[in-house]
C-alpha atoms as a PDB file:
ATOM      1  CA  MET A   1       1.599 -24.461  19.248  1.00  0.00           C
ATOM      2  CA  SER A   2       0.541 -23.630  15.926  1.00  0.00           C
ATOM      3  CA  ASN A   3      -0.267 -20.041  14.868  1.00  0.00           C
ATOM      4  CA  GLU A   4      -3.618 -21.003  13.412  1.00  0.00           C
ATOM      5  CA  ARG A   5      -6.245 -20.997  15.607  1.00  0.00           C
ATOM      6  CA  ALA A   6      -9.140 -23.717  14.993  1.00  0.00           C
ATOM      7  CA  TYR A   7     -12.265 -23.041  16.788  1.00  0.00           C
ATOM      8  CA  ALA A   8     -15.255 -25.474  17.484  1.00  0.00           C
ATOM      9  CA  PRO A   9     -17.951 -24.937  14.854  1.00  0.00           C
ATOM     10  CA  ASP A  10     -20.831 -22.926  15.724  1.00  0.00           C
ATOM     11  CA  PRO A  11     -23.874 -25.071  15.826  1.00  0.00           C
ATOM     12  CA  GLU A  12     -26.073 -22.322  14.322  1.00  0.00           C
ATOM     13  CA  CYS A  13     -23.234 -22.141  11.608  1.00  0.00           C
ATOM     14  CA  GLY A  14     -23.051 -25.902  10.721  1.00  0.00           C
ATOM     15  CA  ASN A  15     -25.285 -25.725   7.676  1.00  0.00           C
ATOM     16  CA  ALA A  16     -23.445 -22.761   6.576  1.00  0.00           C
ATOM     17  CA  ARG A  17     -20.202 -24.332   6.832  1.00  0.00           C
ATOM     18  CA  ALA A  18     -21.082 -27.531   5.396  1.00  0.00           C
ATOM     19  CA  GLY A  19     -22.255 -26.113   2.024  1.00  0.00           C
ATOM     20  CA  ALA A  20     -19.518 -22.945   2.159  1.00  0.00           C
ATOM     21  CA  ALA A  21     -18.186 -22.426  -1.395  1.00  0.00           C
ATOM     22  CA  GLU A  22     -15.775 -19.410  -0.551  1.00  0.00           C
ATOM     23  CA  THR A  23     -13.369 -19.232   2.138  1.00  0.00           C
ATOM     24  CA  ALA A  24     -11.527 -16.226   3.960  1.00  0.00           C
ATOM     25  CA  PHE A  25      -8.640 -15.523   6.138  1.00  0.00           C
ATOM     26  CA  VAL A  26      -9.046 -13.751   9.450  1.00  0.00           C
ATOM     27  CA  ILE A  27      -6.509 -12.173  11.762  1.00  0.00           C
ATOM     28  CA  ASP A  28      -6.975 -10.464  14.629  1.00  0.00           C
ATOM     29  CA  ASP A  29      -4.871 -10.511  18.010  1.00  0.00           C
ATOM     30  CA  ASP A  30      -8.406 -10.084  19.695  1.00  0.00           C
ATOM     31  CA  ARG A  31      -9.475 -13.948  19.503  1.00  0.00           C
ATOM     32  CA  LEU A  32     -12.926 -12.784  20.239  1.00  0.00           C
ATOM     33  CA  MET A  33     -13.486 -10.461  17.855  1.00  0.00           C
ATOM     34  CA  ALA A  34     -11.847 -12.987  15.368  1.00  0.00           C
ATOM     35  CA  ALA A  35     -14.364 -15.659  16.517  1.00  0.00           C
ATOM     36  CA  LEU A  36     -17.232 -13.340  16.236  1.00  0.00           C
ATOM     37  CA  LEU A  37     -16.127 -12.481  12.624  1.00  0.00           C
ATOM     38  CA  GLU A  38     -15.601 -16.043  11.919  1.00  0.00           C
ATOM     39  CA  ARG A  39     -19.149 -17.051  12.758  1.00  0.00           C
ATOM     40  CA  GLN A  40     -20.503 -13.814  11.000  1.00  0.00           C
ATOM     41  CA  LEU A  41     -18.995 -14.901   7.809  1.00  0.00           C
ATOM     42  CA  ALA A  42     -19.952 -18.711   8.265  1.00  0.00           C
ATOM     43  CA  LYS A  43     -23.987 -17.239   8.343  1.00  0.00           C
ATOM     44  CA  ARG A  44     -22.860 -15.825   5.129  1.00  0.00           C
ATOM     45  CA  GLY A  45     -21.587 -19.101   3.511  1.00  0.00           C
ATOM     46  CA  ILE A  46     -17.959 -18.099   3.649  1.00  0.00           C
ATOM     47  CA  GLU A  47     -15.829 -20.439   5.747  1.00  0.00           C
ATOM     48  CA  ALA A  48     -13.065 -18.594   8.010  1.00  0.00           C
ATOM     49  CA  VAL A  49      -9.624 -20.000   8.803  1.00  0.00           C
ATOM     50  CA  CYS A  50      -8.261 -17.679  11.634  1.00  0.00           C
ATOM     51  CA  PHE A  51      -4.765 -16.900  12.515  1.00  0.00           C
ATOM     52  CA  ASP A  52      -2.503 -15.378  15.253  1.00  0.00           C
ATOM     53  CA  ASP A  53       0.633 -14.841  13.281  1.00  0.00           C
ATOM     54  CA  PRO A  54       0.841 -13.137  10.083  1.00  0.00           C
ATOM     55  CA  ALA A  55       3.607 -14.624   8.907  1.00  0.00           C
ATOM     56  CA  SER A  56       1.791 -17.996   9.056  1.00  0.00           C
ATOM     57  CA  LEU A  57      -1.063 -16.322   7.221  1.00  0.00           C
ATOM     58  CA  LEU A  58       1.230 -14.839   4.743  1.00  0.00           C
ATOM     59  CA  GLY A  59       2.790 -18.209   3.994  1.00  0.00           C
ATOM     60  CA  ALA A  60      -0.490 -19.956   3.993  1.00  0.00           C
ATOM     61  CA  LEU A  61      -1.809 -17.617   1.202  1.00  0.00           C
ATOM     62  CA  PRO A  62      -0.218 -18.827  -2.025  1.00  0.00           C
ATOM     63  CA  GLY A  63      -1.641 -22.464  -1.555  1.00  0.00           C
ATOM     64  CA  ALA A  64      -5.012 -21.793   0.178  1.00  0.00           C
ATOM     65  CA  ARG A  65      -5.845 -18.982  -2.273  1.00  0.00           C
ATOM     66  CA  PRO A  66      -8.948 -17.814  -0.114  1.00  0.00           C
ATOM     67  CA  ALA A  67     -11.407 -15.572  -1.834  1.00  0.00           C
ATOM     68  CA  PHE A  68     -11.384 -13.039   0.865  1.00  0.00           C
ATOM     69  CA  LEU A  69      -8.726 -11.647   3.562  1.00  0.00           C
ATOM     70  CA  PHE A  70     -10.006  -9.694   6.563  1.00  0.00           C
ATOM     71  CA  THR A  71      -7.280  -8.451   8.638  1.00  0.00           C
ATOM     72  CA  ASP A  72      -7.330  -6.136  11.820  1.00  0.00           C
ATOM     73  CA  LEU A  73      -5.401  -2.643  11.771  1.00  0.00           C
ATOM     74  CA  ASP A  74      -3.458  -2.580  14.954  1.00  0.00           C
ATOM     75  CA  MET A  75      -1.885  -5.860  15.665  1.00  0.00           C
ATOM     76  CA  PRO A  76       1.563  -6.419  17.939  1.00  0.00           C
ATOM     77  CA  LEU A  77       3.532  -8.215  15.460  1.00  0.00           C
ATOM     78  CA  MET A  78       2.597  -6.574  11.801  1.00  0.00           C
ATOM     79  CA  ARG A  79       0.398  -3.750  11.153  1.00  0.00           C
ATOM     80  CA  GLY A  80      -2.590  -4.624   8.710  1.00  0.00           C
ATOM     81  CA  THR A  81      -1.569  -2.181   6.219  1.00  0.00           C
ATOM     82  CA  GLU A  82       1.706  -3.577   5.952  1.00  0.00           C
ATOM     83  CA  LEU A  83       0.164  -7.117   5.997  1.00  0.00           C
ATOM     84  CA  VAL A  84      -2.091  -6.042   3.124  1.00  0.00           C
ATOM     85  CA  SER A  85       0.970  -4.654   1.215  1.00  0.00           C
ATOM     86  CA  ARG A  86       2.973  -7.913   1.478  1.00  0.00           C
ATOM     87  CA  ALA A  87      -0.283 -10.049   0.547  1.00  0.00           C
ATOM     88  CA  ARG A  88      -0.585  -8.074  -2.583  1.00  0.00           C
ATOM     89  CA  ALA A  89       3.349  -8.137  -3.412  1.00  0.00           C
ATOM     90  CA  GLY A  90       2.910 -11.883  -2.982  1.00  0.00           C
ATOM     91  CA  GLY A  91       0.551 -11.915  -5.610  1.00  0.00           C
ATOM     92  CA  PHE A  92      -3.136 -12.244  -3.631  1.00  0.00           C
ATOM     93  CA  ALA A  93      -5.757 -11.234  -5.821  1.00  0.00           C
ATOM     94  CA  GLY A  94      -8.857 -11.701  -3.835  1.00  0.00           C
ATOM     95  CA  GLY A  95     -10.985  -8.989  -1.825  1.00  0.00           C
ATOM     96  CA  ILE A  96      -9.164  -7.455   1.534  1.00  0.00           C
ATOM     97  CA  ALA A  97     -11.345  -5.642   4.107  1.00  0.00           C
ATOM     98  CA  LEU A  98      -9.379  -3.791   6.712  1.00  0.00           C
ATOM     99  CA  VAL A  99     -11.085  -4.488   9.925  1.00  0.00           C
ATOM    100  CA  THR A 100     -10.479  -1.166  12.631  1.00  0.00           C
ATOM    101  CA  ALA A 101     -12.008   0.444  15.486  1.00  0.00           C
ATOM    102  CA  SER A 102      -9.849   3.539  13.910  1.00  0.00           C
ATOM    103  CA  ARG A 103     -11.864   6.785  12.509  1.00  0.00           C
ATOM    104  CA  LYS A 104      -8.619   8.126  11.095  1.00  0.00           C
ATOM    105  CA  PRO A 105      -8.447   9.239   7.445  1.00  0.00           C
ATOM    106  CA  GLY A 106      -4.960   8.433   7.424  1.00  0.00           C
ATOM    107  CA  ASP A 107      -5.356   5.017   8.159  1.00  0.00           C
ATOM    108  CA  PHE A 108      -8.087   4.729   5.585  1.00  0.00           C
ATOM    109  CA  THR A 109      -5.877   6.335   2.973  1.00  0.00           C
ATOM    110  CA  ALA A 110      -2.935   3.928   3.889  1.00  0.00           C
ATOM    111  CA  ALA A 111      -5.067   0.897   3.514  1.00  0.00           C
ATOM    112  CA  ALA A 112      -6.456   1.718   0.312  1.00  0.00           C
ATOM    113  CA  ALA A 113      -2.672   2.763  -0.853  1.00  0.00           C
ATOM    114  CA  ASN A 114      -1.455  -0.644   0.141  1.00  0.00           C
ATOM    115  CA  GLY A 115      -4.152  -2.839  -1.541  1.00  0.00           C
ATOM    116  CA  ALA A 116      -7.226  -3.047   0.871  1.00  0.00           C
ATOM    117  CA  ASP A 117     -10.540  -2.966  -1.249  1.00  0.00           C
ATOM    118  CA  GLU A 118     -12.933  -2.338   1.670  1.00  0.00           C
ATOM    119  CA  ILE A 119     -12.912  -0.885   5.482  1.00  0.00           C
ATOM    120  CA  LEU A 120     -15.054  -2.858   7.716  1.00  0.00           C
ATOM    121  CA  LEU A 121     -15.527  -0.707  11.217  1.00  0.00           C
ATOM    122  CA  LYS A 122     -15.851  -1.829  14.538  1.00  0.00           C
ATOM    123  CA  PRO A 123     -17.848  -2.664  16.206  1.00  0.00           C
ATOM    124  CA  LEU A 124     -19.432  -5.067  13.677  1.00  0.00           C
ATOM    125  CA  ARG A 125     -22.579  -4.226  12.302  1.00  0.00           C
ATOM    126  CA  ASP A 126     -24.636  -7.063  10.341  1.00  0.00           C
ATOM    127  CA  ALA A 127     -25.926  -4.414   7.476  1.00  0.00           C
ATOM    128  CA  GLU A 128     -22.233  -3.155   7.163  1.00  0.00           C
ATOM    129  CA  LEU A 129     -20.759  -6.490   6.999  1.00  0.00           C
ATOM    130  CA  ASP A 130     -23.390  -7.939   4.406  1.00  0.00           C
ATOM    131  CA  PHE A 131     -22.258  -4.477   2.483  1.00  0.00           C
ATOM    132  CA  VAL A 132     -18.835  -5.284   2.467  1.00  0.00           C
ATOM    133  CA  VAL A 133     -19.045  -8.906   1.404  1.00  0.00           C
ATOM    134  CA  GLU A 134     -21.460  -8.282  -1.361  1.00  0.00           C
ATOM    135  CA  LYS A 135     -19.009  -5.623  -2.553  1.00  0.00           C
ATOM    136  CA  LEU A 136     -16.066  -8.096  -2.307  1.00  0.00           C
ATOM    137  CA  ARG A 137     -18.016 -10.631  -3.960  1.00  0.00           C
ATOM    138  CA  ARG A 138     -18.622  -8.324  -7.158  1.00  0.00           C
ATOM    139  CA  ARG A 139     -15.429  -6.937  -7.351  1.00  0.00           C
ATOM    140  CA  ALA A 140     -13.408  -7.725 -10.429  1.00  0.00           C
ATOM    141  CA  PRO A 141     -10.205  -9.771  -9.279  1.00  0.00           C
ATOM    142  CA  ARG A 142      -6.800  -8.064  -9.602  1.00  0.00           C
ATOM    143  CA  PRO A 143      -4.353  -8.557 -12.023  1.00  0.00           C
ATOM    144  CA  VAL A 144      -1.849 -11.152 -11.003  1.00  0.00           C
ATOM    145  CA  PHE A 145       1.517 -10.618 -12.203  1.00  0.00           C
ATOM    146  CA  GLY A 146       3.435 -13.815 -13.227  1.00  0.00           C
ATOM    147  CA  ALA A 147       7.032 -14.385 -12.081  1.00  0.00           C
ATOM    148  CA  ALA A 148       7.516 -11.403 -10.409  1.00  0.00           C
ATOM    149  CA  THR A 149       5.435  -8.565  -8.909  1.00  0.00           C
ATOM    150  CA  PRO A 150       6.192  -4.838  -9.561  1.00  0.00           C
ATOM    151  CA  ARG A 151       7.614  -4.471  -6.368  1.00  0.00           C
ATOM    152  CA  ASP A 152      10.227  -7.323  -6.907  1.00  0.00           C
ATOM    153  CA  LEU A 153      11.109  -5.443 -10.239  1.00  0.00           C
ATOM    154  CA  LEU A 154      11.156  -1.823  -8.935  1.00  0.00           C
ATOM    155  CA  GLU A 155      12.469  -2.428  -5.308  1.00  0.00           C
ATOM    156  CA  PRO A 156      16.406  -3.196  -6.305  1.00  0.00           C
ATOM    157  CA  ILE A 157      16.355  -0.332  -9.201  1.00  0.00           C
ATOM    158  CA  GLY A 158      19.050   2.489  -8.295  1.00  0.00           C
ATOM    159  CA  GLN A 159      16.483   4.970 -10.074  1.00  0.00           C
ATOM    160  CA  GLY A 160      13.868   6.547  -8.041  1.00  0.00           C
ATOM    161  CA  ILE A 161      10.558   5.200  -9.008  1.00  0.00           C
ATOM    162  CA  VAL A 162       7.117   5.703  -7.781  1.00  0.00           C
ATOM    163  CA  LEU A 163       3.963   3.541  -9.072  1.00  0.00           C
ATOM    164  CA  LEU A 164       0.718   5.033  -8.851  1.00  0.00           C
ATOM    165  CA  ASP A 165      -2.761   3.794  -9.581  1.00  0.00           C
ATOM    166  CA  GLU A 166      -5.345   5.952 -11.552  1.00  0.00           C
ATOM    167  CA  GLU A 167      -6.367   7.891  -8.545  1.00  0.00           C
ATOM    168  CA  PHE A 168      -2.739   8.563  -7.987  1.00  0.00           C
ATOM    169  CA  MET A 169      -2.501   6.564  -4.730  1.00  0.00           C
ATOM    170  CA  PRO A 170       0.790   4.729  -4.445  1.00  0.00           C
ATOM    171  CA  ILE A 171       0.844   1.160  -5.365  1.00  0.00           C
ATOM    172  CA  HIS A 172       4.852   1.084  -4.802  1.00  0.00           C
ATOM    173  CA  VAL A 173       7.522   3.508  -3.734  1.00  0.00           C
ATOM    174  CA  ASN A 174      10.928   1.858  -4.443  1.00  0.00           C
ATOM    175  CA  ARG A 175      14.044   2.110  -2.083  1.00  0.00           C
ATOM    176  CA  ARG A 176      15.294   5.011  -3.973  1.00  0.00           C
ATOM    177  CA  ALA A 177      12.682   7.223  -4.065  1.00  0.00           C
ATOM    178  CA  ARG A 178      12.039   6.665  -0.410  1.00  0.00           C
ATOM    179  CA  GLU A 179      15.504   7.797   0.425  1.00  0.00           C
ATOM    180  CA  ILE A 180      15.080  10.681  -1.783  1.00  0.00           C
ATOM    181  CA  LEU A 181      11.792  11.553   0.088  1.00  0.00           C
ATOM    182  CA  GLY A 182      13.426  10.985   3.463  1.00  0.00           C
ATOM    183  CA  ALA A 183      10.929   8.109   4.241  1.00  0.00           C
ATOM    184  CA  GLY A 184      11.489   5.044   6.111  1.00  0.00           C
ATOM    185  CA  SER A 185       8.496   3.132   4.954  1.00  0.00           C
ATOM    186  CA  GLU A 186       6.084   3.204   1.796  1.00  0.00           C
ATOM    187  CA  ARG A 187       3.304   4.726   4.029  1.00  0.00           C
ATOM    188  CA  GLU A 188       5.716   7.584   5.224  1.00  0.00           C
ATOM    189  CA  ALA A 189       6.527   8.261   1.437  1.00  0.00           C
ATOM    190  CA  GLY A 190       2.932   8.229   0.472  1.00  0.00           C
ATOM    191  CA  GLU A 191       2.591  10.889   3.352  1.00  0.00           C
ATOM    192  CA  ALA A 192       5.637  12.909   2.053  1.00  0.00           C
ATOM    193  CA  LEU A 193       4.537  12.793  -1.450  1.00  0.00           C
ATOM    194  CA  ALA A 194       0.911  14.486  -0.498  1.00  0.00           C
ATOM    195  CA  ARG A 195       2.724  16.845   2.272  1.00  0.00           C
ATOM    196  CA  ASP A 196       5.257  18.199  -0.281  1.00  0.00           C
ATOM    197  CA  GLY A 197       2.728  18.623  -3.212  1.00  0.00           C
ATOM    198  CA  LEU A 198       4.292  16.180  -5.284  1.00  0.00           C
ATOM    199  CA  THR A 199       0.965  14.187  -5.883  1.00  0.00           C
ATOM    200  CA  SER A 200      -1.083  17.387  -7.025  1.00  0.00           C
ATOM    201  CA  ARG A 201       1.907  18.250  -9.209  1.00  0.00           C
ATOM    202  CA  ILE A 202       2.314  14.518 -10.870  1.00  0.00           C
ATOM    203  CA  MET A 203      -1.734  14.777 -11.045  1.00  0.00           C
ATOM    204  CA  GLY A 204      -1.204  18.252 -13.058  1.00  0.00           C
ATOM    205  CA  ASP A 205       1.963  17.110 -15.373  1.00  0.00           C
ATOM    206  CA  ARG A 206       0.850  13.636 -16.243  1.00  0.00           C
ATOM    207  CA  ARG A 207       0.301  14.632 -19.762  1.00  0.00           C
ATOM    208  CA  ALA A 208       3.519  16.238 -20.248  1.00  0.00           C
ATOM    209  CA  GLY A 209       4.832  13.182 -22.239  1.00  0.00           C
ATOM    210  CA  GLY A 210       7.746  12.228 -20.265  1.00  0.00           C
ATOM    211  CA  CYS A 211       9.582  15.454 -20.104  1.00  0.00           C
ATOM    212  CA  VAL A 212      11.287  16.639 -16.684  1.00  0.00           C
ATOM    213  CA  ASN A 213       9.399  18.631 -14.694  1.00  0.00           C
ATOM    214  CA  PHE A 214      11.493  20.553 -11.750  1.00  0.00           C
ATOM    215  CA  VAL A 215      10.224  21.260  -8.154  1.00  0.00           C
ATOM    216  CA  ASP A 216      11.819  22.236  -4.909  1.00  0.00           C
ATOM    217  CA  VAL A 217      10.704  20.519  -1.754  1.00  0.00           C
ATOM    218  CA  PRO A 218      12.025  21.169   1.735  1.00  0.00           C
ATOM    219  CA  ALA A 219      14.820  19.406   3.410  1.00  0.00           C
ATOM    220  CA  ARG A 220      13.786  17.075   6.159  1.00  0.00           C
ATOM    221  CA  ASP A 221      16.710  17.863   8.532  1.00  0.00           C
ATOM    222  CA  GLY A 222      15.338  21.346   9.554  1.00  0.00           C
ATOM    223  CA  SER A 223      17.746  23.576   7.928  1.00  0.00           C
ATOM    224  CA  GLY A 224      15.351  25.581   6.075  1.00  0.00           C
ATOM    225  CA  ALA A 225      17.100  24.177   2.660  1.00  0.00           C
ATOM    226  CA  SER A 226      15.324  22.759  -0.058  1.00  0.00           C
ATOM    227  CA  ARG A 227      15.818  19.715  -2.509  1.00  0.00           C
ATOM    228  CA  LEU A 228      15.491  19.901  -6.185  1.00  0.00           C
ATOM    229  CA  LEU A 229      13.684  17.203  -7.674  1.00  0.00           C
ATOM    230  CA  GLY A 230      13.085  16.139 -11.111  1.00  0.00           C
ATOM    231  CA  LEU A 231       9.745  14.376 -11.881  1.00  0.00           C
ATOM    232  CA  GLU A 232       9.485  12.392 -15.206  1.00  0.00           C
ATOM    233  CA  ILE A 233       5.814  11.159 -15.605  1.00  0.00           C
ATOM    234  CA  HIS A 234       4.852   8.279 -17.827  1.00  0.00           C
ATOM    235  CA  GLU A 235       1.229   6.842 -18.273  1.00  0.00           C
ATOM    236  CA  CYS A 236       0.991   3.342 -18.414  1.00  0.00           C
ATOM    237  CA  ALA A 237      -1.110   1.166 -20.888  1.00  0.00           C
ATOM    238  CA  SER A 238      -4.747   0.922 -19.356  1.00  0.00           C
ATOM    239  CA  THR A 239      -5.774  -2.196 -18.174  1.00  0.00           C
ATOM    240  CA  ALA A 240      -9.078  -3.853 -16.402  1.00  0.00           C
ATOM    241  CA  ALA A 241      -7.868  -2.595 -13.188  1.00  0.00           C
ATOM    242  CA  GLY A 242      -7.424   1.118 -14.892  1.00  0.00           C
ATOM    243  CA  ARG A 243      -4.685   3.653 -15.938  1.00  0.00           C
ATOM    244  CA  SER A 244      -1.257   3.520 -13.780  1.00  0.00           C
ATOM    245  CA  TYR A 245       1.390   6.108 -13.722  1.00  0.00           C
ATOM    246  CA  LEU A 246       5.080   5.579 -13.641  1.00  0.00           C
ATOM    247  CA  VAL A 247       7.095   8.369 -12.050  1.00  0.00           C
ATOM    248  CA  LEU A 248      10.722   8.404 -12.261  1.00  0.00           C
ATOM    249  CA  MET A 249      12.363  10.531  -9.458  1.00  0.00           C
ATOM    250  CA  HIS A 250      15.558  12.393 -10.066  1.00  0.00           C
ATOM    251  CA  ASP A 251      17.540  14.234  -7.375  1.00  0.00           C
ATOM    252  CA  PHE A 252      19.415  17.121  -8.594  1.00  0.00           C
ATOM    253  CA  SER A 253      20.424  18.386  -5.012  1.00  0.00           C
ATOM    254  CA  GLU A 254      23.978  17.265  -5.326  1.00  0.00           C
ATOM    255  CA  CYS A 255      23.928  19.030  -8.979  1.00  0.00           C
ATOM    256  CA  ARG A 256      22.770  22.349  -7.387  1.00  0.00           C
ATOM    257  CA  LYS A 257      25.622  21.871  -4.485  1.00  0.00           C
ATOM    258  CA  LEU A 258      28.128  21.579  -7.280  1.00  0.00           C
ATOM    259  CA  ASP A 259      26.816  24.465  -9.267  1.00  0.00           C
ATOM    260  CA  GLU A 260      26.996  26.511  -5.969  1.00  0.00           C
ATOM    261  CA  LEU A 261      30.487  25.486  -5.428  1.00  0.00           C
ATOM    262  CA  HIS A 262      31.412  26.232  -8.978  1.00  0.00           C
ATOM    263  CA  LEU A 263      30.093  29.817  -8.576  1.00  0.00           C
ATOM    264  CA  ARG A 264      31.900  30.191  -5.304  1.00  0.00           C
ATOM    265  CA  PHE A 265      35.385  29.361  -6.955  1.00  0.00           C
ATOM    266  CA  ALA A 266      34.527  31.299 -10.061  1.00  0.00           C
ATOM    267  CA  THR A 267      33.880  34.607  -7.726  1.00  0.00           C
ATOM    268  CA  CYS A 268      36.779  33.738  -5.215  1.00  0.00           C
ATOM    269  CA  LEU A 269      39.262  33.364  -8.463  1.00  0.00           C
ATOM    270  CA  SER A 270      37.501  36.869 -10.252  1.00  0.00           C
ATOM    271  CA  HIS A 271      38.544  38.616  -6.692  1.00  0.00           C
ATOM    272  CA  ARG A 272      41.877  37.445  -6.413  1.00  0.00           C
ATOM    273  CA  MET A 273      42.739  38.178 -10.092  1.00  0.00           C
ATOM    274  CA  ARG A 274      41.464  41.880  -9.574  1.00  0.00           C
END
């Protein structure tokens, strides 16, 4: 059975479908909700293609290149924020709306950080859908990178790297930076940056001209110890999408441990010599 769903055309939406110049990918594990959104989009001249499986949707994106993507937040196979992140990493430059019943600010922040443009709250209301669709239509296309996306380029690098947009929201946190922050995912890394005060520190030091600024952050093992991090901040060239900031993250914790070991050795040697 195909993961893509094909619904019978709604008689009320037949004319809109026939003249539709725009397409949208829609995914929601609630089939009734997906069918409702499909009909509502058809009334606005947008032809929807509905999916059950996130992998199938992501696989179809490059060839179909829809104008919009509407995704549910809480789905069993993949969370909506992760789907958004993967769609952007794959080069999707169209408008993305996260459809959710959640009212948690953290969910909205994570959605924006991963590349969503708008939040559409359940239950769907005509006025809100009209507003979101119009904003998505008028938005400037995101820049599409050619051979490789920033994630492809930055992920395997052994240096901790954080890429932030002009509002200092994470665009990408590579694997080494996630290890330094003790985070298992980019979402957790974004939360750690805010929790440890690193985002505000970066905002304050963004004109430092590449100098390394040191900051102590608490360790994640509950020991009460701290880690010494060096943040090297570079402002990238402005584009149509705005400024971006590249943060090189250095972990000097091991150097601190080595200095402490040297100090203990010197102290012990001094006592023995006395």
